[in-house]
């Protein structure tokens, strides 16, 4: 059973930055793709960014230029660097990984952007 554990969320002021981490219980080489999603209150979970095993990254159009997804294979960890945060970025952020036809999710980490 693969476990994904997010960390790094919290309260930040508008314009601030946060870096989220997602630690995997196994080598992330096993994942064909990994991604970050977010779910704001009353809204559906939506894609934030996705990175393939070869390193290609894809972003939600509205987030390009502010968010950066990366992976550290040696640490079995996925990251999301979030800059110039806005109140509308407030949500629970989830990481996921796709491996052997299955989709794995973490438990989520809360990000709140407020003054």
N, C-alpha and C. Protein backbone atom coordinates (compact mmCIF):
# COMPACT_ATOMS: atom_id res chain seq x y z
N UNK A 1 0.84 -1.19 0.00
CA UNK A 1 0.00 0.00 0.00
C UNK A 1 0.88 1.25 0.00
N UNK A 2 0.64 2.11 -0.95
CA UNK A 2 1.43 3.33 -1.06
C UNK A 2 0.78 4.43 -0.23
N UNK A 3 1.60 5.14 0.51
CA UNK A 3 1.10 6.28 1.27
C UNK A 3 1.76 7.56 0.78
N UNK A 4 0.95 8.59 0.68
CA UNK A 4 1.42 9.93 0.32
C UNK A 4 1.04 10.87 1.46
N UNK A 5 2.00 11.60 1.96
CA UNK A 5 1.76 12.48 3.10
C UNK A 5 2.19 13.90 2.76
N UNK A 6 1.21 14.79 2.73
CA UNK A 6 1.49 16.19 2.44
C UNK A 6 1.87 16.95 3.69
N UNK A 7 2.65 18.00 3.52
CA UNK A 7 3.00 18.90 4.61
C UNK A 7 3.35 20.26 4.02
N UNK A 8 3.45 21.26 4.90
CA UNK A 8 3.88 22.58 4.45
C UNK A 8 2.77 23.60 4.34
N UNK A 9 1.53 23.17 4.54
CA UNK A 9 0.44 24.13 4.48
C UNK A 9 0.43 25.05 5.70
N UNK A 10 -0.45 26.03 5.67
CA UNK A 10 -0.56 26.95 6.79
C UNK A 10 -1.23 28.24 6.38
N UNK A 11 -1.09 29.23 7.25
CA UNK A 11 -1.66 30.55 7.02
C UNK A 11 -0.57 31.48 6.49
N UNK A 12 -0.86 32.15 5.40
CA UNK A 12 0.11 33.07 4.80
C UNK A 12 -0.63 34.32 4.34
N UNK A 13 0.05 35.44 4.36
CA UNK A 13 -0.55 36.68 3.90
C UNK A 13 -0.55 36.76 2.38
N UNK A 14 -1.49 37.51 1.82
CA UNK A 14 -1.48 37.70 0.36
C UNK A 14 -0.12 38.22 -0.11
N UNK A 15 0.35 37.65 -1.21
CA UNK A 15 1.66 37.99 -1.73
C UNK A 15 2.78 37.12 -1.20
N UNK A 16 2.48 36.31 -0.21
CA UNK A 16 3.50 35.44 0.37
C UNK A 16 3.71 34.16 -0.41
N UNK A 17 4.58 33.31 0.13
CA UNK A 17 4.95 32.06 -0.52
C UNK A 17 4.84 30.90 0.46
N UNK A 18 4.62 29.74 -0.09
CA UNK A 18 4.65 28.48 0.66
C UNK A 18 5.21 27.41 -0.24
N UNK A 19 5.86 26.43 0.38
CA UNK A 19 6.27 25.25 -0.37
C UNK A 19 5.64 24.03 0.27
N UNK A 20 4.84 23.34 -0.50
CA UNK A 20 4.22 22.10 -0.05
C UNK A 20 5.10 20.92 -0.42
N UNK A 21 5.09 19.91 0.45
CA UNK A 21 5.82 18.68 0.20
C UNK A 21 4.87 17.51 0.26
N UNK A 22 5.18 16.49 -0.51
CA UNK A 22 4.40 15.26 -0.51
C UNK A 22 5.40 14.10 -0.48
N UNK A 23 5.49 13.46 0.68
CA UNK A 23 6.43 12.36 0.86
C UNK A 23 5.75 11.04 0.56
N UNK A 24 6.39 10.24 -0.27
CA UNK A 24 5.85 8.94 -0.65
C UNK A 24 6.52 7.83 0.16
N UNK A 25 5.74 6.77 0.43
CA UNK A 25 6.26 5.66 1.23
C UNK A 25 7.06 4.67 0.39
N UNK A 26 7.15 4.93 -0.91
CA UNK A 26 7.94 4.09 -1.79
C UNK A 26 8.61 4.98 -2.82
N UNK A 27 9.49 4.40 -3.60
CA UNK A 27 10.20 5.17 -4.61
C UNK A 27 9.21 5.81 -5.58
N UNK A 28 9.40 7.10 -5.82
CA UNK A 28 8.48 7.77 -6.75
C UNK A 28 8.80 7.45 -8.21
N UNK A 29 9.86 6.68 -8.43
CA UNK A 29 10.11 6.17 -9.78
C UNK A 29 8.96 5.28 -10.23
N UNK A 30 8.23 4.74 -9.26
CA UNK A 30 7.12 3.84 -9.58
C UNK A 30 5.92 4.59 -10.15
N UNK A 31 5.90 5.91 -9.97
CA UNK A 31 4.74 6.69 -10.42
C UNK A 31 4.96 7.19 -11.84
N UNK A 32 4.01 6.91 -12.71
CA UNK A 32 4.07 7.44 -14.06
C UNK A 32 3.90 8.95 -14.07
N UNK A 33 3.09 9.41 -13.14
CA UNK A 33 2.84 10.84 -13.02
C UNK A 33 2.45 11.15 -11.59
N UNK A 34 2.74 12.35 -11.17
CA UNK A 34 2.32 12.83 -9.86
C UNK A 34 1.75 14.23 -10.02
N UNK A 35 0.88 14.60 -9.12
CA UNK A 35 0.27 15.91 -9.29
C UNK A 35 -0.21 16.51 -7.99
N UNK A 36 -0.56 17.77 -8.08
CA UNK A 36 -1.20 18.51 -6.99
C UNK A 36 -2.57 18.96 -7.45
N UNK A 37 -3.54 18.77 -6.57
CA UNK A 37 -4.89 19.22 -6.79
C UNK A 37 -5.30 20.07 -5.59
N UNK A 38 -6.34 20.85 -5.75
CA UNK A 38 -6.83 21.61 -4.60
C UNK A 38 -8.35 21.65 -4.62
N UNK A 39 -8.90 21.80 -3.43
CA UNK A 39 -10.35 21.87 -3.29
C UNK A 39 -10.69 22.98 -2.32
N UNK A 40 -11.34 23.99 -2.85
CA UNK A 40 -11.81 25.10 -2.04
C UNK A 40 -13.20 24.79 -1.50
N UNK A 41 -13.60 25.41 -0.43
CA UNK A 41 -14.94 25.16 0.14
C UNK A 41 -16.04 25.36 -0.90
N UNK A 42 -16.90 24.36 -1.01
CA UNK A 42 -18.01 24.46 -1.93
C UNK A 42 -17.67 24.24 -3.39
N UNK A 43 -16.42 23.87 -3.66
CA UNK A 43 -16.00 23.67 -5.05
C UNK A 43 -15.46 22.27 -5.25
N UNK A 44 -15.39 21.87 -6.49
CA UNK A 44 -14.84 20.56 -6.82
C UNK A 44 -13.32 20.59 -6.77
N UNK A 45 -12.74 19.42 -6.55
CA UNK A 45 -11.28 19.31 -6.58
C UNK A 45 -10.80 19.59 -8.00
N UNK A 46 -9.75 20.38 -8.09
CA UNK A 46 -9.27 20.81 -9.41
C UNK A 46 -7.76 20.64 -9.51
N UNK A 47 -7.31 20.39 -10.72
CA UNK A 47 -5.88 20.22 -10.97
C UNK A 47 -5.14 21.52 -10.75
N UNK A 48 -4.01 21.42 -10.06
CA UNK A 48 -3.11 22.56 -9.92
C UNK A 48 -1.92 22.38 -10.87
N UNK A 49 -1.26 21.23 -10.75
CA UNK A 49 -0.08 20.97 -11.57
C UNK A 49 0.16 19.47 -11.60
N UNK A 50 0.87 19.03 -12.64
CA UNK A 50 1.12 17.62 -12.82
C UNK A 50 2.51 17.48 -13.42
N UNK A 51 3.23 16.45 -12.99
CA UNK A 51 4.56 16.22 -13.53
C UNK A 51 4.69 14.76 -13.90
N UNK A 52 5.21 14.49 -15.09
CA UNK A 52 5.38 13.13 -15.56
C UNK A 52 6.72 12.58 -15.11
N UNK A 53 6.88 11.28 -15.24
CA UNK A 53 8.12 10.65 -14.78
C UNK A 53 9.34 11.18 -15.52
N UNK A 54 9.13 11.63 -16.76
CA UNK A 54 10.25 12.16 -17.53
C UNK A 54 10.59 13.60 -17.18
N UNK A 55 9.73 14.22 -16.34
CA UNK A 55 10.01 15.57 -15.89
C UNK A 55 9.14 16.66 -16.50
N UNK A 56 8.36 16.31 -17.52
CA UNK A 56 7.48 17.33 -18.12
C UNK A 56 6.42 17.75 -17.13
N UNK A 57 6.20 19.05 -17.05
CA UNK A 57 5.25 19.59 -16.08
C UNK A 57 4.12 20.33 -16.79
N UNK A 58 2.94 20.25 -16.20
CA UNK A 58 1.76 20.90 -16.75
C UNK A 58 1.06 21.63 -15.61
N UNK A 59 0.48 22.79 -15.94
CA UNK A 59 -0.15 23.62 -14.93
C UNK A 59 -1.54 24.05 -15.37
N UNK A 60 -2.40 24.29 -14.37
CA UNK A 60 -3.65 24.96 -14.66
C UNK A 60 -3.30 26.33 -15.23
N UNK A 61 -4.00 26.73 -16.27
CA UNK A 61 -3.66 27.97 -16.97
C UNK A 61 -3.59 29.17 -16.03
N UNK A 62 -4.49 29.22 -15.08
CA UNK A 62 -4.58 30.39 -14.21
C UNK A 62 -3.43 30.46 -13.20
N UNK A 63 -2.66 29.37 -13.10
CA UNK A 63 -1.60 29.33 -12.09
C UNK A 63 -0.20 29.40 -12.68
N UNK A 64 -0.11 29.36 -13.99
CA UNK A 64 1.21 29.42 -14.63
C UNK A 64 1.95 30.68 -14.22
N UNK A 65 3.22 30.48 -13.88
CA UNK A 65 4.04 31.62 -13.51
C UNK A 65 4.10 31.88 -12.03
N UNK A 66 3.14 31.34 -11.28
CA UNK A 66 3.15 31.53 -9.83
C UNK A 66 3.50 30.25 -9.08
N UNK A 67 3.09 29.11 -9.63
CA UNK A 67 3.31 27.82 -8.98
C UNK A 67 4.32 27.01 -9.78
N UNK A 68 5.14 26.25 -9.07
CA UNK A 68 6.12 25.37 -9.71
C UNK A 68 6.08 24.00 -9.05
N UNK A 69 5.90 22.97 -9.85
CA UNK A 69 5.91 21.60 -9.36
C UNK A 69 7.29 20.99 -9.64
N UNK A 70 7.76 20.20 -8.70
CA UNK A 70 9.04 19.53 -8.90
C UNK A 70 9.05 18.24 -8.10
N UNK A 71 10.02 17.39 -8.40
CA UNK A 71 10.12 16.13 -7.68
C UNK A 71 11.58 15.85 -7.39
N UNK A 72 11.83 15.30 -6.22
CA UNK A 72 13.17 14.89 -5.82
C UNK A 72 13.13 13.37 -5.69
N UNK A 73 13.64 12.70 -6.70
CA UNK A 73 13.55 11.24 -6.72
C UNK A 73 14.35 10.61 -5.57
N UNK A 74 15.45 11.23 -5.19
CA UNK A 74 16.28 10.67 -4.12
C UNK A 74 15.56 10.73 -2.77
N UNK A 75 14.71 11.73 -2.61
CA UNK A 75 13.98 11.89 -1.34
C UNK A 75 12.56 11.35 -1.43
N UNK A 76 12.19 10.81 -2.59
CA UNK A 76 10.82 10.30 -2.80
C UNK A 76 9.78 11.36 -2.42
N UNK A 77 10.01 12.57 -2.86
CA UNK A 77 9.17 13.68 -2.46
C UNK A 77 8.79 14.55 -3.65
N UNK A 78 7.54 14.95 -3.66
CA UNK A 78 6.99 15.87 -4.65
C UNK A 78 6.82 17.22 -3.96
N UNK A 79 7.08 18.29 -4.69
CA UNK A 79 6.97 19.63 -4.13
C UNK A 79 6.04 20.51 -4.96
N UNK A 80 5.51 21.52 -4.30
CA UNK A 80 4.78 22.57 -5.00
C UNK A 80 5.20 23.90 -4.39
N UNK A 81 5.94 24.68 -5.15
CA UNK A 81 6.33 26.02 -4.71
C UNK A 81 5.25 26.99 -5.16
N UNK A 82 4.71 27.72 -4.21
CA UNK A 82 3.61 28.64 -4.50
C UNK A 82 4.05 30.05 -4.13
N UNK A 83 4.07 30.93 -5.11
CA UNK A 83 4.48 32.32 -4.90
C UNK A 83 3.33 33.27 -5.20
N UNK A 84 3.46 34.49 -4.72
CA UNK A 84 2.45 35.54 -4.96
C UNK A 84 1.05 35.03 -4.66
N UNK A 85 0.91 34.44 -3.50
CA UNK A 85 -0.36 33.80 -3.15
C UNK A 85 -1.48 34.83 -3.01
N UNK A 86 -2.67 34.38 -3.40
CA UNK A 86 -3.86 35.22 -3.37
C UNK A 86 -4.91 34.57 -2.48
N UNK A 87 -5.84 35.34 -1.95
CA UNK A 87 -6.90 34.73 -1.13
C UNK A 87 -7.65 33.62 -1.85
N UNK A 88 -7.78 33.73 -3.16
CA UNK A 88 -8.49 32.68 -3.90
C UNK A 88 -7.69 31.39 -4.03
N UNK A 89 -6.45 31.38 -3.57
CA UNK A 89 -5.66 30.15 -3.52
C UNK A 89 -5.97 29.34 -2.27
N UNK A 90 -6.78 29.88 -1.39
CA UNK A 90 -7.15 29.16 -0.17
C UNK A 90 -7.90 27.89 -0.52
N UNK A 91 -7.40 26.76 -0.01
CA UNK A 91 -7.98 25.46 -0.32
C UNK A 91 -7.23 24.38 0.45
N UNK A 92 -7.77 23.18 0.39
CA UNK A 92 -7.02 22.02 0.82
C UNK A 92 -6.28 21.49 -0.41
N UNK A 93 -4.99 21.30 -0.26
CA UNK A 93 -4.14 20.85 -1.35
C UNK A 93 -3.81 19.37 -1.17
N UNK A 94 -4.03 18.60 -2.23
CA UNK A 94 -3.80 17.17 -2.21
C UNK A 94 -2.74 16.79 -3.24
N UNK A 95 -1.92 15.83 -2.91
CA UNK A 95 -1.04 15.28 -3.94
C UNK A 95 -1.56 13.92 -4.34
N UNK A 96 -1.25 13.52 -5.55
CA UNK A 96 -1.59 12.18 -5.99
C UNK A 96 -0.50 11.60 -6.84
N UNK A 97 -0.58 10.30 -7.01
CA UNK A 97 0.38 9.60 -7.84
C UNK A 97 -0.33 8.48 -8.59
N UNK A 98 0.09 8.30 -9.85
CA UNK A 98 -0.49 7.26 -10.68
C UNK A 98 0.56 6.17 -10.89
N UNK A 99 0.20 4.94 -10.51
CA UNK A 99 1.15 3.84 -10.66
C UNK A 99 0.40 2.55 -10.90
N UNK A 100 0.82 1.81 -11.91
CA UNK A 100 0.25 0.50 -12.22
C UNK A 100 -1.27 0.55 -12.32
N UNK A 101 -1.76 1.58 -12.94
CA UNK A 101 -3.19 1.70 -13.17
C UNK A 101 -4.00 2.14 -11.96
N UNK A 102 -3.33 2.49 -10.90
CA UNK A 102 -4.03 2.93 -9.70
C UNK A 102 -3.67 4.38 -9.39
N UNK A 103 -4.59 5.01 -8.69
CA UNK A 103 -4.42 6.40 -8.30
C UNK A 103 -4.37 6.47 -6.78
N UNK A 104 -3.32 7.09 -6.27
CA UNK A 104 -3.15 7.22 -4.83
C UNK A 104 -3.26 8.69 -4.45
N UNK A 105 -3.88 8.94 -3.28
CA UNK A 105 -4.06 10.31 -2.80
C UNK A 105 -3.51 10.46 -1.39
N UNK A 106 -3.02 11.65 -1.10
CA UNK A 106 -2.67 12.00 0.26
C UNK A 106 -3.90 12.51 0.99
N UNK A 107 -3.70 12.87 2.24
CA UNK A 107 -4.82 13.29 3.07
C UNK A 107 -5.12 14.78 2.96
N UNK A 108 -4.21 15.51 2.34
CA UNK A 108 -4.43 16.94 2.12
C UNK A 108 -3.79 17.81 3.17
N UNK A 109 -3.45 19.03 2.76
CA UNK A 109 -2.92 20.02 3.69
C UNK A 109 -3.60 21.35 3.41
N UNK A 110 -4.00 22.04 4.46
CA UNK A 110 -4.77 23.27 4.32
C UNK A 110 -3.84 24.44 4.04
N UNK A 111 -4.19 25.22 3.05
CA UNK A 111 -3.51 26.48 2.76
C UNK A 111 -4.53 27.60 2.88
N UNK A 112 -4.24 28.56 3.71
CA UNK A 112 -5.13 29.70 3.90
C UNK A 112 -4.36 30.98 3.62
N UNK A 113 -4.87 31.76 2.68
CA UNK A 113 -4.23 33.02 2.31
C UNK A 113 -5.13 34.15 2.80
N UNK A 114 -4.67 34.86 3.80
CA UNK A 114 -5.50 35.89 4.41
C UNK A 114 -4.63 36.88 5.16
N UNK A 115 -5.09 38.11 5.20
CA UNK A 115 -4.40 39.14 5.96
C UNK A 115 -5.00 39.24 7.36
